[in-house]
């Protein structure tokens, strides 16, 4: 962590402490705003392959959603879905192999990410983006999702008619929203009184409790064949949450674990890339 990052962390902890002293509800509102707001947009230069893509754009709740398409008009379509504070630019290695396999490849930046507009992102908004892409440019029968994108995809698939012919790859998915919030509250030293108000806010805004935003819950409603790839040392999306899904022995879910690739290197690993391409 850089000096600037350490200073920002200390400042935010003090701010939350002062807010919670005055009002737990005010602290919870500020915490939710920070939790759903990416702190930076990926500023990676577009990889060369994105220069060959057809650029797409549509509106979602007034937000401009930017995407890319290769090998259009093919019957088989695959959608690439990035994670929090990421961009589809990070998945360039998958595009050529998928095109070579006969896929029409689509990839979109989520709200508040990459080239898309908006200031914040939530799982329901992300899920509705995926549903909209499926309706506008699909039907999609194959999906590749990383991290937070995996949670959004799982929720979206509950509303997209599908069957066992569909294929889903989840790489280091954010299995439980509750876990992500736990990590957030620990980082910023927020107490249980603020957490109570925070959970109430989520339930009020989304109409669902925090526990509902869970791949473990949603995957029971997913009929697609799923390849779940996770690193045992992942610090951002802990594998303990994934183990709970694995232990349910769902017949359509296959698990593959790695060691030492962490949360982001895992989707850049050549062996993982080839495994994903072979599965799809």
Protein backbone atom coordinates (compact mmCIF):
# COMPACT_ATOMS: atom_id res chain seq x y z
CA UNK A 1 0.00 0.00 0.00
CA UNK A 2 1.41 3.38 -1.02
CA UNK A 3 1.64 6.40 1.31
CA UNK A 4 -1.25 8.01 -0.56
CA UNK A 5 -3.39 4.91 -0.09
CA UNK A 6 -2.51 4.65 3.62
CA UNK A 7 -3.37 8.32 4.11
CA UNK A 8 -6.72 7.88 2.31
CA UNK A 9 -7.50 4.83 4.44
CA UNK A 10 -6.77 6.66 7.70
CA UNK A 11 -8.79 9.67 6.57
CA UNK A 12 -11.79 7.51 5.67
CA UNK A 13 -11.62 5.62 8.97
CA UNK A 14 -11.64 8.91 10.90
CA UNK A 15 -14.49 10.23 8.78
CA UNK A 16 -16.58 7.11 9.42
CA UNK A 17 -15.79 7.27 13.15
CA UNK A 18 -17.02 10.86 13.33
CA UNK A 19 -20.12 10.08 11.30
CA UNK A 20 -21.03 7.07 13.44
CA UNK A 21 -20.57 9.14 16.62
CA UNK A 22 -23.15 11.55 15.23
CA UNK A 23 -25.44 9.01 13.50
CA UNK A 24 -25.09 5.31 12.68
CA UNK A 25 -27.52 5.79 9.82
CA UNK A 26 -25.44 8.60 8.31
CA UNK A 27 -22.30 6.47 8.61
CA UNK A 28 -24.11 3.56 6.93
CA UNK A 29 -25.22 5.75 4.02
CA UNK A 30 -21.67 7.01 3.51
CA UNK A 31 -20.32 3.47 3.77
CA UNK A 32 -22.77 2.17 1.17
CA UNK A 33 -21.86 4.99 -1.21
CA UNK A 34 -18.18 4.08 -0.90
CA UNK A 35 -18.85 0.33 -1.11
CA UNK A 36 -20.64 0.60 -4.44
CA UNK A 37 -18.33 3.20 -6.01
CA UNK A 38 -15.18 2.10 -7.86
CA UNK A 39 -12.24 4.14 -6.62
CA UNK A 40 -10.61 4.17 -10.03
CA UNK A 41 -11.37 3.26 -13.61
CA UNK A 42 -8.98 0.94 -15.38
CA UNK A 43 -6.86 3.21 -17.59
CA UNK A 44 -5.13 0.47 -19.57
CA UNK A 45 -4.58 1.33 -23.23
CA UNK A 46 -6.91 -0.63 -25.50
CA UNK A 47 -5.18 -3.84 -26.58
CA UNK A 48 -4.73 -4.06 -30.34
CA UNK A 49 -7.49 -6.61 -30.77
CA UNK A 50 -10.05 -4.08 -29.54
CA UNK A 51 -9.19 -1.97 -32.58
CA UNK A 52 -10.62 -4.75 -34.76
CA UNK A 53 -13.92 -4.93 -32.85
CA UNK A 54 -17.30 -3.52 -33.74
CA UNK A 55 -18.08 -0.99 -31.04
CA UNK A 56 -21.51 -1.25 -29.44
CA UNK A 57 -23.44 1.07 -27.14
CA UNK A 58 -26.82 1.11 -25.40
CA UNK A 59 -28.53 2.86 -22.52
CA UNK A 60 -29.31 1.25 -19.17
CA UNK A 61 -31.22 3.47 -16.73
CA UNK A 62 -29.84 6.46 -18.61
CA UNK A 63 -26.27 5.14 -18.33
CA UNK A 64 -24.21 4.68 -21.49
CA UNK A 65 -22.95 1.08 -21.68
CA UNK A 66 -20.03 0.52 -24.03
CA UNK A 67 -19.13 -2.83 -25.52
CA UNK A 68 -17.29 -4.66 -28.28
CA UNK A 69 -18.16 -7.45 -30.70
CA UNK A 70 -16.03 -9.76 -32.84
CA UNK A 71 -17.01 -12.35 -35.44
CA UNK A 72 -20.61 -11.15 -35.64
CA UNK A 73 -23.45 -13.15 -37.21
CA UNK A 74 -22.22 -16.44 -35.76
CA UNK A 75 -24.85 -18.60 -34.09
CA UNK A 76 -22.71 -19.35 -31.05
CA UNK A 77 -22.31 -16.30 -28.83
CA UNK A 78 -20.19 -15.86 -25.71
CA UNK A 79 -20.27 -12.91 -23.31
CA UNK A 80 -17.17 -11.88 -21.33
CA UNK A 81 -17.93 -10.21 -17.98
CA UNK A 82 -15.26 -8.45 -15.92
CA UNK A 83 -15.09 -7.85 -12.16
CA UNK A 84 -15.11 -4.84 -9.82
CA UNK A 85 -12.67 -2.03 -10.73
CA UNK A 86 -11.72 -3.91 -13.86
CA UNK A 87 -12.47 -3.71 -17.58
CA UNK A 88 -13.02 -6.00 -20.55
CA UNK A 89 -9.58 -4.89 -21.75
CA UNK A 90 -8.13 -7.27 -19.17
CA UNK A 91 -9.56 -10.28 -21.02
CA UNK A 92 -7.92 -9.76 -24.39
CA UNK A 93 -6.25 -13.20 -24.26
CA UNK A 94 -9.59 -14.98 -24.60
CA UNK A 95 -10.87 -13.21 -27.70
CA UNK A 96 -8.80 -14.74 -30.53
CA UNK A 97 -9.15 -18.34 -29.26
CA UNK A 98 -12.92 -17.92 -28.90
CA UNK A 99 -13.21 -16.40 -32.37
CA UNK A 100 -11.12 -19.29 -33.73
CA UNK A 101 -13.57 -21.68 -32.09
CA UNK A 102 -16.41 -20.13 -34.06
CA UNK A 103 -17.88 -17.86 -31.41
CA UNK A 104 -19.28 -14.41 -31.80
CA UNK A 105 -17.55 -12.73 -28.86
CA UNK A 106 -19.12 -9.86 -26.93
CA UNK A 107 -17.65 -7.89 -24.04
CA UNK A 108 -19.08 -4.86 -22.25
CA UNK A 109 -17.83 -2.54 -19.51
CA UNK A 110 -20.16 -2.38 -16.53
CA UNK A 111 -21.56 0.93 -15.26
CA UNK A 112 -18.81 3.07 -13.68
CA UNK A 113 -16.16 0.90 -15.33
CA UNK A 114 -13.96 1.25 -18.40
CA UNK A 115 -15.63 3.15 -21.22
CA UNK A 116 -19.13 3.00 -19.75
CA UNK A 117 -20.82 5.84 -17.91
CA UNK A 118 -22.21 6.01 -14.40
CA UNK A 119 -20.70 6.61 -10.99
CA UNK A 120 -21.55 3.42 -9.10
CA UNK A 121 -22.34 -0.26 -9.53
CA UNK A 122 -24.50 -2.76 -7.65
CA UNK A 123 -25.18 -6.45 -8.23
CA UNK A 124 -28.80 -5.83 -9.40
CA UNK A 125 -27.68 -3.13 -11.85
CA UNK A 126 -24.86 -5.33 -13.16
CA UNK A 127 -27.27 -8.26 -13.52
CA UNK A 128 -29.76 -6.12 -15.45
CA UNK A 129 -26.95 -5.07 -17.78
CA UNK A 130 -26.26 -8.74 -18.55
CA UNK A 131 -29.96 -9.41 -19.11
CA UNK A 132 -30.16 -6.41 -21.47
CA UNK A 133 -27.16 -7.61 -23.49
CA UNK A 134 -28.77 -11.03 -23.77
CA UNK A 135 -31.97 -9.44 -25.10
CA UNK A 136 -30.31 -6.90 -27.42
CA UNK A 137 -27.42 -8.88 -28.86
CA UNK A 138 -28.11 -12.49 -27.93
CA UNK A 139 -29.26 -14.97 -27.20
CA UNK A 140 -26.09 -15.83 -25.33
CA UNK A 141 -25.53 -19.48 -24.56
CA UNK A 142 -22.03 -19.16 -23.09
CA UNK A 143 -20.61 -16.83 -20.45
CA UNK A 144 -17.19 -16.13 -18.94
CA UNK A 145 -17.29 -14.08 -15.73
CA UNK A 146 -14.69 -13.00 -13.18
CA UNK A 147 -15.14 -11.94 -9.55
CA UNK A 148 -18.09 -9.55 -9.02
CA UNK A 149 -19.15 -10.31 -12.58
CA UNK A 150 -19.72 -13.91 -11.50
CA UNK A 151 -22.21 -12.83 -8.85
CA UNK A 152 -24.02 -10.54 -11.31
CA UNK A 153 -24.17 -13.31 -13.91
CA UNK A 154 -25.57 -15.82 -11.40
CA UNK A 155 -28.37 -13.42 -10.49
CA UNK A 156 -29.04 -12.60 -14.15
CA UNK A 157 -29.33 -16.28 -15.10
CA UNK A 158 -32.22 -16.64 -12.67
CA UNK A 159 -34.17 -14.42 -15.09
CA UNK A 160 -32.79 -15.76 -18.38
CA UNK A 161 -34.49 -18.93 -19.66
CA UNK A 162 -31.76 -21.54 -20.11
CA UNK A 163 -30.93 -25.22 -19.90
CA UNK A 164 -28.04 -27.68 -19.71
CA UNK A 165 -26.80 -26.68 -23.17
CA UNK A 166 -25.69 -23.32 -21.75
CA UNK A 167 -22.10 -23.03 -20.49
CA UNK A 168 -20.84 -20.80 -17.70
CA UNK A 169 -17.28 -20.20 -16.52
CA UNK A 170 -16.89 -18.55 -13.12
CA UNK A 171 -13.34 -17.46 -12.33
CA UNK A 172 -12.74 -16.44 -8.71
CA UNK A 173 -16.39 -15.40 -8.34
CA UNK A 174 -17.57 -13.16 -5.49
CA UNK A 175 -19.57 -15.96 -3.92
CA UNK A 176 -21.13 -14.11 -0.97
CA UNK A 177 -21.92 -10.41 -0.78
CA UNK A 178 -21.95 -10.76 3.00
CA UNK A 179 -18.27 -11.72 2.90
CA UNK A 180 -17.39 -8.69 0.78
CA UNK A 181 -19.20 -6.44 3.26
CA UNK A 182 -17.47 -8.14 6.19
CA UNK A 183 -14.09 -7.38 4.58
CA UNK A 184 -15.13 -3.79 3.89
CA UNK A 185 -16.26 -3.21 7.48
CA UNK A 186 -13.08 -4.73 8.87
CA UNK A 187 -10.91 -2.54 6.62
CA UNK A 188 -12.62 0.67 7.71
CA UNK A 189 -13.12 -0.30 11.39
CA UNK A 190 -16.88 0.10 11.23
CA UNK A 191 -18.88 -1.34 14.13
CA UNK A 192 -21.94 -3.58 14.36
CA UNK A 193 -24.39 -0.71 14.92
CA UNK A 194 -23.38 0.81 11.59
CA UNK A 195 -23.54 -2.65 10.00
CA UNK A 196 -27.13 -3.07 11.14
CA UNK A 197 -28.10 0.19 9.46
CA UNK A 198 -26.04 -0.73 6.38
CA UNK A 199 -27.87 -4.04 5.94
CA UNK A 200 -31.20 -2.28 6.40
CA UNK A 201 -30.30 0.16 3.62
CA UNK A 202 -29.47 -2.64 1.20
CA UNK A 203 -32.75 -4.40 2.02
CA UNK A 204 -34.72 -1.17 1.57
CA UNK A 205 -33.08 -0.16 -1.72
CA UNK A 206 -32.97 -3.58 -3.35
CA UNK A 207 -35.93 -5.25 -1.68
CA UNK A 208 -33.72 -8.19 -0.69
CA UNK A 209 -31.58 -8.96 2.37
CA UNK A 210 -27.81 -9.06 2.01
CA UNK A 211 -27.81 -12.86 2.17
CA UNK A 212 -29.90 -13.03 -1.02
CA UNK A 213 -26.99 -11.67 -3.07
CA UNK A 214 -25.23 -15.01 -3.04
CA UNK A 215 -23.97 -17.35 -5.74
CA UNK A 216 -24.51 -20.25 -3.34
CA UNK A 217 -28.20 -19.34 -3.28
CA UNK A 218 -28.55 -18.49 -6.97
CA UNK A 219 -26.64 -21.44 -8.36
CA UNK A 220 -29.37 -23.82 -7.21
CA UNK A 221 -31.54 -22.16 -9.86
CA UNK A 222 -28.90 -22.35 -12.60
CA UNK A 223 -29.31 -25.23 -15.04
CA UNK A 224 -26.26 -24.44 -17.18
CA UNK A 225 -23.09 -26.49 -17.07
CA UNK A 226 -20.71 -24.54 -14.83
CA UNK A 227 -16.91 -24.57 -14.60
CA UNK A 228 -15.88 -22.89 -11.33
CA UNK A 229 -12.18 -21.93 -11.10
CA UNK A 230 -10.78 -20.62 -7.82
CA UNK A 231 -7.36 -20.19 -6.21
CA UNK A 232 -6.95 -21.48 -2.67
CA UNK A 233 -4.95 -18.35 -1.76
CA UNK A 234 -7.42 -15.82 -3.14
CA UNK A 235 -7.59 -12.97 -0.62
CA UNK A 236 -10.40 -11.02 -2.29
CA UNK A 237 -12.96 -13.75 -2.84
CA UNK A 238 -12.10 -16.32 -0.15
CA UNK A 239 -12.27 -19.93 -1.24
CA UNK A 240 -14.05 -20.90 1.99
CA UNK A 241 -17.26 -19.54 0.47
CA UNK A 242 -16.64 -21.57 -2.69
CA UNK A 243 -16.05 -24.77 -0.66
CA UNK A 244 -19.58 -24.50 0.70
CA UNK A 245 -20.90 -24.66 -2.85
CA UNK A 246 -18.56 -27.49 -3.79
CA UNK A 247 -19.72 -29.57 -0.83
CA UNK A 248 -23.29 -29.45 -2.14
CA UNK A 249 -22.13 -31.66 -5.05
CA UNK A 250 -24.33 -30.03 -7.65
CA UNK A 251 -24.27 -32.28 -10.75
CA UNK A 252 -23.86 -29.40 -13.21
CA UNK A 253 -20.98 -27.66 -11.38
CA UNK A 254 -17.35 -28.70 -11.85
CA UNK A 255 -14.65 -27.20 -9.62
CA UNK A 256 -11.03 -26.55 -10.52
CA UNK A 257 -8.67 -25.14 -7.88
CA UNK A 258 -5.24 -23.58 -8.29
CA UNK A 259 -2.56 -22.54 -5.83
CA UNK A 260 -0.55 -19.33 -5.98
CA UNK A 261 -2.42 -17.54 -8.77
CA UNK A 262 -4.51 -15.34 -6.48
CA UNK A 263 -7.48 -13.31 -7.61
CA UNK A 264 -6.30 -11.73 -10.87
CA UNK A 265 -3.36 -13.71 -12.19
CA UNK A 266 -5.65 -16.73 -12.32
CA UNK A 267 -7.54 -15.52 -15.40
CA UNK A 268 -4.29 -14.57 -17.15
CA UNK A 269 -2.66 -17.96 -16.64
CA UNK A 270 -2.09 -19.79 -19.94
CA UNK A 271 -3.25 -23.16 -18.61
CA UNK A 272 -6.42 -21.62 -17.21
CA UNK A 273 -7.11 -19.82 -20.49
CA UNK A 274 -6.79 -23.08 -22.40
CA UNK A 275 -8.99 -24.92 -19.90
CA UNK A 276 -11.68 -22.25 -20.29
CA UNK A 277 -11.52 -22.35 -24.09
CA UNK A 278 -11.73 -26.15 -24.09
CA UNK A 279 -14.76 -26.08 -21.77
CA UNK A 280 -16.60 -23.50 -23.83
